[in-house]
C-alpha atoms as a PDB file:
ATOM      1  CA  UNK A   1     -11.329   7.817 -31.716  1.00  0.00           C
ATOM      2  CA  UNK A   2      -9.448  11.111 -31.669  1.00  0.00           C
ATOM      3  CA  UNK A   3     -12.042  12.256 -28.879  1.00  0.00           C
ATOM      4  CA  UNK A   4     -10.998   9.274 -26.886  1.00  0.00           C
ATOM      5  CA  UNK A   5      -7.341   9.983 -27.253  1.00  0.00           C
ATOM      6  CA  UNK A   6      -7.753  13.645 -26.339  1.00  0.00           C
ATOM      7  CA  UNK A   7      -9.848  12.667 -23.362  1.00  0.00           C
ATOM      8  CA  UNK A   8      -7.034  10.251 -22.176  1.00  0.00           C
ATOM      9  CA  UNK A   9      -4.388  12.900 -22.532  1.00  0.00           C
ATOM     10  CA  UNK A  10      -6.398  15.653 -20.629  1.00  0.00           C
ATOM     11  CA  UNK A  11      -6.938  12.898 -17.820  1.00  0.00           C
ATOM     12  CA  UNK A  12      -3.445  12.188 -17.759  1.00  0.00           C
ATOM     13  CA  UNK A  13      -2.307  15.778 -17.672  1.00  0.00           C
ATOM     14  CA  UNK A  14      -4.878  16.295 -14.855  1.00  0.00           C
ATOM     15  CA  UNK A  15      -3.438  13.253 -12.767  1.00  0.00           C
ATOM     16  CA  UNK A  16       0.104  14.740 -13.275  1.00  0.00           C
ATOM     17  CA  UNK A  17      -0.932  18.112 -11.980  1.00  0.00           C
ATOM     18  CA  UNK A  18      -2.974  16.478  -9.226  1.00  0.00           C
ATOM     19  CA  UNK A  19      -0.284  14.055  -7.815  1.00  0.00           C
ATOM     20  CA  UNK A  20       2.345  16.866  -8.112  1.00  0.00           C
ATOM     21  CA  UNK A  21       0.841  18.358  -4.950  1.00  0.00           C
ATOM     22  CA  UNK A  22       1.478  15.073  -3.068  1.00  0.00           C
ATOM     23  CA  UNK A  23      -2.229  15.001  -1.817  1.00  0.00           C
ATOM     24  CA  UNK A  24      -1.306  11.881   0.438  1.00  0.00           C
ATOM     25  CA  UNK A  25       0.609  14.309   2.604  1.00  0.00           C
ATOM     26  CA  UNK A  26      -2.347  16.721   3.255  1.00  0.00           C
ATOM     27  CA  UNK A  27      -3.545  14.578   6.260  1.00  0.00           C
ATOM     28  CA  UNK A  28      -0.605  15.886   8.278  1.00  0.00           C
ATOM     29  CA  UNK A  29      -2.029  19.647   7.730  1.00  0.00           C
ATOM     30  CA  UNK A  30      -5.532  18.881   7.880  1.00  0.00           C
ATOM     31  CA  UNK A  31      -5.549  17.090  11.271  1.00  0.00           C
ATOM     32  CA  UNK A  32      -4.069  20.056  13.228  1.00  0.00           C
ATOM     33  CA  UNK A  33      -6.634  22.290  11.292  1.00  0.00           C
ATOM     34  CA  UNK A  34      -9.459  20.202  12.664  1.00  0.00           C
ATOM     35  CA  UNK A  35      -7.792  19.983  16.122  1.00  0.00           C
ATOM     36  CA  UNK A  36      -7.657  23.802  16.371  1.00  0.00           C
ATOM     37  CA  UNK A  37     -11.379  23.910  15.324  1.00  0.00           C
ATOM     38  CA  UNK A  38     -12.299  21.403  17.866  1.00  0.00           C
ATOM     39  CA  UNK A  39     -10.373  23.233  20.652  1.00  0.00           C
ATOM     40  CA  UNK A  40     -12.253  26.569  19.515  1.00  0.00           C
ATOM     41  CA  UNK A  41     -15.749  24.756  19.992  1.00  0.00           C
ATOM     42  CA  UNK A  42     -14.716  23.308  23.256  1.00  0.00           C
ATOM     43  CA  UNK A  43     -13.590  26.765  24.881  1.00  0.00           C
ATOM     44  CA  UNK A  44     -15.816  29.242  23.107  1.00  0.00           C
ATOM     45  CA  UNK A  45     -18.688  27.340  21.743  1.00  0.00           C
ATOM     46  CA  UNK A  46     -18.342  28.902  18.341  1.00  0.00           C
ATOM     47  CA  UNK A  47     -18.335  26.965  15.300  1.00  0.00           C
ATOM     48  CA  UNK A  48     -18.901  27.777  11.399  1.00  0.00           C
ATOM     49  CA  UNK A  49     -18.777  24.972   8.870  1.00  0.00           C
ATOM     50  CA  UNK A  50     -17.973  27.623   6.247  1.00  0.00           C
ATOM     51  CA  UNK A  51     -14.939  29.025   7.965  1.00  0.00           C
ATOM     52  CA  UNK A  52     -13.833  25.376   8.809  1.00  0.00           C
ATOM     53  CA  UNK A  53     -14.200  24.594   4.832  1.00  0.00           C
ATOM     54  CA  UNK A  54     -12.310  27.890   3.780  1.00  0.00           C
ATOM     55  CA  UNK A  55      -9.698  27.214   6.494  1.00  0.00           C
ATOM     56  CA  UNK A  56      -9.059  23.668   5.274  1.00  0.00           C
ATOM     57  CA  UNK A  57      -8.750  24.873   1.533  1.00  0.00           C
ATOM     58  CA  UNK A  58      -6.350  27.580   2.649  1.00  0.00           C
ATOM     59  CA  UNK A  59      -4.115  25.249   4.681  1.00  0.00           C
ATOM     60  CA  UNK A  60      -4.143  22.622   1.914  1.00  0.00           C
ATOM     61  CA  UNK A  61      -3.310  25.546  -0.789  1.00  0.00           C
ATOM     62  CA  UNK A  62      -0.223  26.471   1.480  1.00  0.00           C
ATOM     63  CA  UNK A  63       0.846  23.052   1.996  1.00  0.00           C
ATOM     64  CA  UNK A  64       0.403  21.994  -1.593  1.00  0.00           C
ATOM     65  CA  UNK A  65       2.573  25.023  -2.668  1.00  0.00           C
ATOM     66  CA  UNK A  66       5.120  24.064  -0.140  1.00  0.00           C
ATOM     67  CA  UNK A  67       5.285  20.654  -1.632  1.00  0.00           C
ATOM     68  CA  UNK A  68       5.728  22.293  -5.226  1.00  0.00           C
ATOM     69  CA  UNK A  69       8.406  24.357  -3.953  1.00  0.00           C
ATOM     70  CA  UNK A  70      10.208  21.317  -2.370  1.00  0.00           C
ATOM     71  CA  UNK A  71       9.813  19.473  -5.789  1.00  0.00           C
ATOM     72  CA  UNK A  72      11.351  22.347  -7.742  1.00  0.00           C
ATOM     73  CA  UNK A  73      14.474  22.955  -5.438  1.00  0.00           C
ATOM     74  CA  UNK A  74      15.237  19.306  -4.752  1.00  0.00           C
ATOM     75  CA  UNK A  75      15.246  18.740  -8.303  1.00  0.00           C
ATOM     76  CA  UNK A  76      17.516  21.924  -8.931  1.00  0.00           C
ATOM     77  CA  UNK A  77      19.970  20.801  -6.402  1.00  0.00           C
ATOM     78  CA  UNK A  78      20.163  17.297  -7.584  1.00  0.00           C
ATOM     79  CA  UNK A  79      18.658  15.810  -4.422  1.00  0.00           C
ATOM     80  CA  UNK A  80      15.768  13.871  -6.386  1.00  0.00           C
ATOM     81  CA  UNK A  81      16.950  10.807  -8.013  1.00  0.00           C
ATOM     82  CA  UNK A  82      15.370   7.672  -9.832  1.00  0.00           C
ATOM     83  CA  UNK A  83      14.957   6.320  -6.306  1.00  0.00           C
ATOM     84  CA  UNK A  84      12.958   9.320  -5.094  1.00  0.00           C
ATOM     85  CA  UNK A  85       9.229   9.103  -4.063  1.00  0.00           C
ATOM     86  CA  UNK A  86       8.527  12.450  -5.982  1.00  0.00           C
ATOM     87  CA  UNK A  87       8.519  11.599  -9.598  1.00  0.00           C
ATOM     88  CA  UNK A  88       7.272  14.700 -10.891  1.00  0.00           C
ATOM     89  CA  UNK A  89      10.296  16.397 -12.358  1.00  0.00           C
ATOM     90  CA  UNK A  90      12.457  13.125 -12.485  1.00  0.00           C
ATOM     91  CA  UNK A  91      10.061  11.497 -14.708  1.00  0.00           C
ATOM     92  CA  UNK A  92       9.264  14.621 -16.682  1.00  0.00           C
ATOM     93  CA  UNK A  93       5.588  14.604 -15.917  1.00  0.00           C
ATOM     94  CA  UNK A  94       5.705  18.258 -15.649  1.00  0.00           C
ATOM     95  CA  UNK A  95       8.139  20.894 -16.577  1.00  0.00           C
ATOM     96  CA  UNK A  96       9.944  22.988 -14.013  1.00  0.00           C
ATOM     97  CA  UNK A  97       8.118  26.069 -15.374  1.00  0.00           C
ATOM     98  CA  UNK A  98       4.756  24.296 -14.866  1.00  0.00           C
ATOM     99  CA  UNK A  99       5.624  23.315 -11.383  1.00  0.00           C
ATOM    100  CA  UNK A 100       6.403  26.985 -10.548  1.00  0.00           C
ATOM    101  CA  UNK A 101       3.310  28.220 -12.027  1.00  0.00           C
ATOM    102  CA  UNK A 102       1.259  25.632 -10.122  1.00  0.00           C
ATOM    103  CA  UNK A 103       2.972  26.689  -6.788  1.00  0.00           C
ATOM    104  CA  UNK A 104       2.226  30.355  -7.680  1.00  0.00           C
ATOM    105  CA  UNK A 105      -1.328  29.683  -8.134  1.00  0.00           C
ATOM    106  CA  UNK A 106      -1.451  27.761  -5.008  1.00  0.00           C
ATOM    107  CA  UNK A 107      -0.051  30.498  -2.927  1.00  0.00           C
ATOM    108  CA  UNK A 108      -2.764  32.877  -4.717  1.00  0.00           C
ATOM    109  CA  UNK A 109      -5.591  30.586  -3.701  1.00  0.00           C
ATOM    110  CA  UNK A 110      -4.230  30.462  -0.150  1.00  0.00           C
ATOM    111  CA  UNK A 111      -4.185  34.383   0.010  1.00  0.00           C
ATOM    112  CA  UNK A 112      -7.691  34.486  -1.174  1.00  0.00           C
ATOM    113  CA  UNK A 113      -8.730  32.135   1.523  1.00  0.00           C
ATOM    114  CA  UNK A 114      -7.080  34.266   4.113  1.00  0.00           C
ATOM    115  CA  UNK A 115      -9.121  37.319   3.135  1.00  0.00           C
ATOM    116  CA  UNK A 116     -12.402  35.130   3.121  1.00  0.00           C
ATOM    117  CA  UNK A 117     -11.600  33.986   6.760  1.00  0.00           C
ATOM    118  CA  UNK A 118     -10.880  37.529   7.675  1.00  0.00           C
ATOM    119  CA  UNK A 119     -14.346  38.554   6.401  1.00  0.00           C
ATOM    120  CA  UNK A 120     -16.151  35.536   7.855  1.00  0.00           C
ATOM    121  CA  UNK A 121     -14.388  35.587  11.271  1.00  0.00           C
ATOM    122  CA  UNK A 122     -16.537  36.711  14.224  1.00  0.00           C
ATOM    123  CA  UNK A 123     -14.059  38.976  15.757  1.00  0.00           C
ATOM    124  CA  UNK A 124     -14.526  42.830  15.584  1.00  0.00           C
ATOM    125  CA  UNK A 125     -11.205  43.730  16.862  1.00  0.00           C
ATOM    126  CA  UNK A 126      -9.123  45.965  14.827  1.00  0.00           C
ATOM    127  CA  UNK A 127      -5.882  43.762  15.602  1.00  0.00           C
ATOM    128  CA  UNK A 128      -7.463  40.561  14.693  1.00  0.00           C
ATOM    129  CA  UNK A 129      -6.955  40.552  10.963  1.00  0.00           C
ATOM    130  CA  UNK A 130      -3.359  41.671  11.468  1.00  0.00           C
ATOM    131  CA  UNK A 131      -2.666  38.843  13.854  1.00  0.00           C
ATOM    132  CA  UNK A 132      -4.668  36.390  11.459  1.00  0.00           C
ATOM    133  CA  UNK A 133      -2.403  37.725   8.708  1.00  0.00           C
ATOM    134  CA  UNK A 134       0.813  37.404  10.495  1.00  0.00           C
ATOM    135  CA  UNK A 135       0.137  33.671  11.600  1.00  0.00           C
ATOM    136  CA  UNK A 136      -0.743  32.907   7.847  1.00  0.00           C
ATOM    137  CA  UNK A 137       2.470  34.645   6.475  1.00  0.00           C
ATOM    138  CA  UNK A 138       4.326  32.734   9.035  1.00  0.00           C
ATOM    139  CA  UNK A 139       3.061  29.453   7.420  1.00  0.00           C
ATOM    140  CA  UNK A 140       3.542  30.857   3.916  1.00  0.00           C
ATOM    141  CA  UNK A 141       7.110  31.929   4.499  1.00  0.00           C
ATOM    142  CA  UNK A 142       7.939  28.553   6.114  1.00  0.00           C
ATOM    143  CA  UNK A 143       6.446  26.627   3.213  1.00  0.00           C
ATOM    144  CA  UNK A 144       8.722  28.529   0.809  1.00  0.00           C
ATOM    145  CA  UNK A 145      12.079  28.595   2.963  1.00  0.00           C
ATOM    146  CA  UNK A 146      11.987  25.056   3.949  1.00  0.00           C
ATOM    147  CA  UNK A 147      13.752  24.341   0.390  1.00  0.00           C
ATOM    148  CA  UNK A 148      13.678  27.516  -1.274  1.00  0.00           C
ATOM    149  CA  UNK A 149      15.312  30.844  -0.177  1.00  0.00           C
ATOM    150  CA  UNK A 150      17.416  29.853   2.829  1.00  0.00           C
ATOM    151  CA  UNK A 151      16.662  26.123   2.207  1.00  0.00           C
ATOM    152  CA  UNK A 152      16.557  25.147   5.897  1.00  0.00           C
ATOM    153  CA  UNK A 153      16.027  21.618   4.858  1.00  0.00           C
ATOM    154  CA  UNK A 154      19.474  21.611   3.470  1.00  0.00           C
ATOM    155  CA  UNK A 155      21.225  22.909   6.706  1.00  0.00           C
ATOM    156  CA  UNK A 156      19.594  20.572   9.276  1.00  0.00           C
ATOM    157  CA  UNK A 157      16.808  23.027  10.260  1.00  0.00           C
ATOM    158  CA  UNK A 158      13.986  21.701   8.162  1.00  0.00           C
ATOM    159  CA  UNK A 159      12.695  19.546  11.226  1.00  0.00           C
ATOM    160  CA  UNK A 160      12.436  22.550  13.336  1.00  0.00           C
ATOM    161  CA  UNK A 161      10.358  24.566  10.690  1.00  0.00           C
ATOM    162  CA  UNK A 162       8.006  21.634  10.094  1.00  0.00           C
ATOM    163  CA  UNK A 163       7.335  21.370  13.911  1.00  0.00           C
ATOM    164  CA  UNK A 164       6.649  25.148  14.102  1.00  0.00           C
ATOM    165  CA  UNK A 165       4.132  24.902  11.317  1.00  0.00           C
ATOM    166  CA  UNK A 166       2.249  21.748  12.245  1.00  0.00           C
ATOM    167  CA  UNK A 167       2.549  22.305  15.930  1.00  0.00           C
ATOM    168  CA  UNK A 168       1.992  26.084  15.894  1.00  0.00           C
ATOM    169  CA  UNK A 169       0.895  27.791  12.860  1.00  0.00           C
ATOM    170  CA  UNK A 170      -1.994  25.461  11.607  1.00  0.00           C
ATOM    171  CA  UNK A 171      -3.904  24.851  14.950  1.00  0.00           C
ATOM    172  CA  UNK A 172      -3.531  28.575  15.954  1.00  0.00           C
ATOM    173  CA  UNK A 173      -4.801  29.706  12.370  1.00  0.00           C
ATOM    174  CA  UNK A 174      -7.865  27.372  12.678  1.00  0.00           C
ATOM    175  CA  UNK A 175      -8.663  28.358  16.324  1.00  0.00           C
ATOM    176  CA  UNK A 176      -8.419  32.210  15.354  1.00  0.00           C
ATOM    177  CA  UNK A 177     -10.403  31.730  12.392  1.00  0.00           C
ATOM    178  CA  UNK A 178     -13.369  30.245  14.433  1.00  0.00           C
ATOM    179  CA  UNK A 179     -13.167  32.569  17.442  1.00  0.00           C
ATOM    180  CA  UNK A 180     -11.533  35.733  16.254  1.00  0.00           C
ATOM    181  CA  UNK A 181      -9.260  35.345  19.300  1.00  0.00           C
ATOM    182  CA  UNK A 182      -5.909  33.721  20.126  1.00  0.00           C
ATOM    183  CA  UNK A 183      -5.388  31.060  22.833  1.00  0.00           C
ATOM    184  CA  UNK A 184      -2.013  29.405  22.943  1.00  0.00           C
ATOM    185  CA  UNK A 185      -3.563  26.308  24.691  1.00  0.00           C
ATOM    186  CA  UNK A 186      -3.905  24.856  21.207  1.00  0.00           C
ATOM    187  CA  UNK A 187       0.034  24.440  21.118  1.00  0.00           C
ATOM    188  CA  UNK A 188      -0.319  21.916  23.752  1.00  0.00           C
ATOM    189  CA  UNK A 189      -3.000  19.818  22.241  1.00  0.00           C
ATOM    190  CA  UNK A 190      -0.911  19.775  18.855  1.00  0.00           C
ATOM    191  CA  UNK A 191       2.150  18.370  20.403  1.00  0.00           C
ATOM    192  CA  UNK A 192       1.179  14.472  19.916  1.00  0.00           C
ATOM    193  CA  UNK A 193       0.292  15.211  16.223  1.00  0.00           C
ATOM    194  CA  UNK A 194       3.364  17.335  15.535  1.00  0.00           C
ATOM    195  CA  UNK A 195       5.604  14.655  16.849  1.00  0.00           C
ATOM    196  CA  UNK A 196       4.231  12.104  14.852  1.00  0.00           C
ATOM    197  CA  UNK A 197       4.295  14.154  11.741  1.00  0.00           C
ATOM    198  CA  UNK A 198       8.007  14.836  12.562  1.00  0.00           C
ATOM    199  CA  UNK A 199       8.362  11.048  12.717  1.00  0.00           C
ATOM    200  CA  UNK A 200       7.328  10.847   9.097  1.00  0.00           C
ATOM    201  CA  UNK A 201       9.961  13.381   7.985  1.00  0.00           C
ATOM    202  CA  UNK A 202      12.893  11.966  10.134  1.00  0.00           C
ATOM    203  CA  UNK A 203      12.186   8.407   8.724  1.00  0.00           C
ATOM    204  CA  UNK A 204      12.207   9.834   5.292  1.00  0.00           C
ATOM    205  CA  UNK A 205      15.507  11.790   5.750  1.00  0.00           C
ATOM    206  CA  UNK A 206      16.960   8.587   7.298  1.00  0.00           C
ATOM    207  CA  UNK A 207      15.988   6.395   4.491  1.00  0.00           C
ATOM    208  CA  UNK A 208      17.538   9.065   1.973  1.00  0.00           C
ATOM    209  CA  UNK A 209      20.665   9.671   3.966  1.00  0.00           C
ATOM    210  CA  UNK A 210      23.136   8.466   1.623  1.00  0.00           C
ATOM    211  CA  UNK A 211      21.712  10.109  -1.365  1.00  0.00           C
ATOM    212  CA  UNK A 212      21.493  13.510   0.754  1.00  0.00           C
ATOM    213  CA  UNK A 213      25.155  13.071   1.553  1.00  0.00           C
ATOM    214  CA  UNK A 214      25.989  12.687  -2.031  1.00  0.00           C
ATOM    215  CA  UNK A 215      23.909  15.881  -2.750  1.00  0.00           C
ATOM    216  CA  UNK A 216      25.899  17.560  -0.122  1.00  0.00           C
ATOM    217  CA  UNK A 217      23.008  18.170   2.212  1.00  0.00           C
ATOM    218  CA  UNK A 218      23.085  18.299   5.870  1.00  0.00           C
ATOM    219  CA  UNK A 219      20.226  16.570   7.610  1.00  0.00           C
ATOM    220  CA  UNK A 220      19.460  15.485  11.303  1.00  0.00           C
ATOM    221  CA  UNK A 221      20.122  11.701  10.400  1.00  0.00           C
ATOM    222  CA  UNK A 222      23.497  12.696   8.816  1.00  0.00           C
ATOM    223  CA  UNK A 223      24.405  14.572  12.017  1.00  0.00           C
ATOM    224  CA  UNK A 224      23.175  12.066  14.477  1.00  0.00           C
ATOM    225  CA  UNK A 225      24.307   8.647  12.495  1.00  0.00           C
ATOM    226  CA  UNK A 226      22.084   5.659  12.312  1.00  0.00           C
ATOM    227  CA  UNK A 227      22.027   4.705  16.115  1.00  0.00           C
ATOM    228  CA  UNK A 228      21.014   8.015  17.394  1.00  0.00           C
ATOM    229  CA  UNK A 229      18.628   8.435  14.417  1.00  0.00           C
ATOM    230  CA  UNK A 230      16.899   5.415  15.415  1.00  0.00           C
ATOM    231  CA  UNK A 231      16.609   6.587  19.131  1.00  0.00           C
ATOM    232  CA  UNK A 232      15.048   9.849  17.903  1.00  0.00           C
ATOM    233  CA  UNK A 233      12.504   8.034  15.582  1.00  0.00           C
ATOM    234  CA  UNK A 234      11.616   5.727  18.464  1.00  0.00           C
ATOM    235  CA  UNK A 235      11.084   8.823  20.643  1.00  0.00           C
ATOM    236  CA  UNK A 236       8.853  10.629  18.115  1.00  0.00           C
ATOM    237  CA  UNK A 237       7.054   7.650  17.349  1.00  0.00           C
ATOM    238  CA  UNK A 238       6.120   6.714  20.856  1.00  0.00           C
ATOM    239  CA  UNK A 239       6.141   9.833  22.856  1.00  0.00           C
ATOM    240  CA  UNK A 240       2.600  10.630  21.699  1.00  0.00           C
ATOM    241  CA  UNK A 241       1.284   7.291  23.011  1.00  0.00           C
ATOM    242  CA  UNK A 242       2.965   7.862  26.402  1.00  0.00           C
ATOM    243  CA  UNK A 243       0.951  11.220  26.393  1.00  0.00           C
ATOM    244  CA  UNK A 244      -2.304   9.574  25.797  1.00  0.00           C
ATOM    245  CA  UNK A 245      -1.482   6.876  28.484  1.00  0.00           C
ATOM    246  CA  UNK A 246      -0.858   9.852  30.881  1.00  0.00           C
ATOM    247  CA  UNK A 247      -4.103  11.778  29.696  1.00  0.00           C
ATOM    248  CA  UNK A 248      -6.235   8.643  30.138  1.00  0.00           C
ATOM    249  CA  UNK A 249      -4.868   8.101  33.736  1.00  0.00           C
ATOM    250  CA  UNK A 250      -5.316  11.629  34.847  1.00  0.00           C
ATOM    251  CA  UNK A 251      -8.181  13.029  32.817  1.00  0.00           C
ATOM    252  CA  UNK A 252     -10.357  10.670  30.671  1.00  0.00           C
ATOM    253  CA  UNK A 253     -10.455   6.989  29.361  1.00  0.00           C
ATOM    254  CA  UNK A 254     -11.277   8.321  26.099  1.00  0.00           C
ATOM    255  CA  UNK A 255      -7.717   9.129  25.408  1.00  0.00           C
ATOM    256  CA  UNK A 256      -7.013   5.445  25.286  1.00  0.00           C
ATOM    257  CA  UNK A 257      -8.486   5.332  21.809  1.00  0.00           C
ATOM    258  CA  UNK A 258      -5.289   6.193  19.955  1.00  0.00           C
ATOM    259  CA  UNK A 259      -3.610   3.265  21.588  1.00  0.00           C
ATOM    260  CA  UNK A 260      -5.412   1.233  18.947  1.00  0.00           C
ATOM    261  CA  UNK A 261      -2.678   1.863  16.690  1.00  0.00           C
ATOM    262  CA  UNK A 262       0.039   1.091  18.991  1.00  0.00           C
ATOM    263  CA  UNK A 263       0.646  -2.384  17.514  1.00  0.00           C
ATOM    264  CA  UNK A 264       1.135  -0.831  14.039  1.00  0.00           C
ATOM    265  CA  UNK A 265       3.617   1.497  15.696  1.00  0.00           C
ATOM    266  CA  UNK A 266       5.646  -1.275  17.078  1.00  0.00           C
ATOM    267  CA  UNK A 267       5.724  -3.066  13.753  1.00  0.00           C
ATOM    268  CA  UNK A 268       7.039   0.167  12.158  1.00  0.00           C
ATOM    269  CA  UNK A 269       9.590   0.532  14.737  1.00  0.00           C
ATOM    270  CA  UNK A 270      10.937  -3.016  14.172  1.00  0.00           C
ATOM    271  CA  UNK A 271      11.481  -2.225  10.419  1.00  0.00           C
ATOM    272  CA  UNK A 272      13.198   0.901  11.168  1.00  0.00           C
ATOM    273  CA  UNK A 273      15.434  -1.094  13.659  1.00  0.00           C
ATOM    274  CA  UNK A 274      16.098  -3.729  11.323  1.00  0.00           C
ATOM    275  CA  UNK A 275      17.112  -1.111   8.604  1.00  0.00           C
ATOM    276  CA  UNK A 276      14.123  -1.925   6.387  1.00  0.00           C
ATOM    277  CA  UNK A 277      13.586   1.759   5.747  1.00  0.00           C
ATOM    278  CA  UNK A 278      12.015   1.597   2.251  1.00  0.00           C
ATOM    279  CA  UNK A 279       8.243   1.606   3.331  1.00  0.00           C
ATOM    280  CA  UNK A 280       8.857   3.045   6.935  1.00  0.00           C
ATOM    281  CA  UNK A 281       7.977   6.800   5.734  1.00  0.00           C
ATOM    282  CA  UNK A 282       4.783   5.864   3.894  1.00  0.00           C
ATOM    283  CA  UNK A 283       3.745   3.470   6.854  1.00  0.00           C
ATOM    284  CA  UNK A 284       4.547   6.127   9.430  1.00  0.00           C
ATOM    285  CA  UNK A 285       2.260   8.596   7.338  1.00  0.00           C
ATOM    286  CA  UNK A 286      -0.647   6.044   7.406  1.00  0.00           C
ATOM    287  CA  UNK A 287      -0.165   5.641  11.162  1.00  0.00           C
ATOM    288  CA  UNK A 288      -0.253   9.456  11.518  1.00  0.00           C
ATOM    289  CA  UNK A 289      -3.821   9.525   9.870  1.00  0.00           C
ATOM    290  CA  UNK A 290      -5.139   6.693  12.132  1.00  0.00           C
ATOM    291  CA  UNK A 291      -3.699   8.081  15.151  1.00  0.00           C
ATOM    292  CA  UNK A 292      -4.887  11.403  14.398  1.00  0.00           C
ATOM    293  CA  UNK A 293      -8.479  10.375  13.736  1.00  0.00           C
ATOM    294  CA  UNK A 294      -8.571   8.619  17.063  1.00  0.00           C
ATOM    295  CA  UNK A 295      -7.047  11.471  18.930  1.00  0.00           C
ATOM    296  CA  UNK A 296      -9.438  13.963  17.498  1.00  0.00           C
ATOM    297  CA  UNK A 297     -12.419  11.308  18.478  1.00  0.00           C
ATOM    298  CA  UNK A 298     -10.972  11.361  22.097  1.00  0.00           C
ATOM    299  CA  UNK A 299     -11.087  15.175  22.304  1.00  0.00           C
ATOM    300  CA  UNK A 300     -14.619  15.328  20.887  1.00  0.00           C
ATOM    301  CA  UNK A 301     -16.090  12.690  23.211  1.00  0.00           C
ATOM    302  CA  UNK A 302     -14.205  14.030  26.265  1.00  0.00           C
ATOM    303  CA  UNK A 303     -16.263  16.260  28.428  1.00  0.00           C
ATOM    304  CA  UNK A 304     -14.711  19.818  28.838  1.00  0.00           C
ATOM    305  CA  UNK A 305     -14.331  19.329  32.561  1.00  0.00           C
ATOM    306  CA  UNK A 306     -12.025  16.440  31.789  1.00  0.00           C
ATOM    307  CA  UNK A 307      -9.786  17.787  29.137  1.00  0.00           C
ATOM    308  CA  UNK A 308      -6.306  18.470  30.007  1.00  0.00           C
ATOM    309  CA  UNK A 309      -4.883  22.063  29.992  1.00  0.00           C
ATOM    310  CA  UNK A 310      -8.371  23.281  29.597  1.00  0.00           C
ATOM    311  CA  UNK A 311      -9.496  26.089  31.827  1.00  0.00           C
ATOM    312  CA  UNK A 312     -12.718  27.866  30.815  1.00  0.00           C
ATOM    313  CA  UNK A 313     -14.160  31.222  32.236  1.00  0.00           C
ATOM    314  CA  UNK A 314     -16.591  28.971  34.120  1.00  0.00           C
ATOM    315  CA  UNK A 315     -13.697  27.460  36.221  1.00  0.00           C
ATOM    316  CA  UNK A 316     -13.915  24.057  34.370  1.00  0.00           C
END
């Protein structure tokens, strides 16, 4: 009986640690990582399963550490309440010291991942490890200062930081790991995923607008107000679909695949417009997963000669 109680307590403790990372949010960092890898394969033909695995672990470790930093500082500044999605510190599932320790270990895992990628990466260039480290520490710094340090989230600059990480840092990092070189073309391909990821954050901030005001925060929805916040959300939600339609008309019909999720997007938009915001962030996050999967599939299925932006050495 004692063994069963100990086992239950151990499982509960593990569950608290696991969910403190907010693993449901990892799709927003994993999909740009896979996207960067796909573009690397399309351009260079180089691919390593091991480098992809280590890159994904590294990116997840950074993302998880950033989530823990967010948990700690939101709780410290009184942003989290009993209505918050993140219950780790509000419900005392972990102590602040445990959250800090877990975040520190996550950053250590990410740094170890960086060293492994540098070792495995095919480039022999003297500057490649430096460039890869610069991109990595760009993401590491961003994951911390979102709520820690400068606390960009609290002064309406968090959205720009999120866009810079998911649209720039992650796909470039994955591309460099596979090829040992840099190609900014990955930034163009990351735009649809970055916009949709930003829609998640914006809907979350819009829902929490009143609570954030009471806590003394300044966010984009607070600055814009309800009407313009809705207009911005609609743009972030539907702009990727417009891009896919244009890609399908000018390049390949495979880019129609993500439009399978369009009815779901319209349903979410109606809830946002009707101010039924409670489930909008989670619904947008689920949409992000399906949209990303179909988009990645369309990139894989489209021949190099029909990919937008892609110009290879062979003139394709």
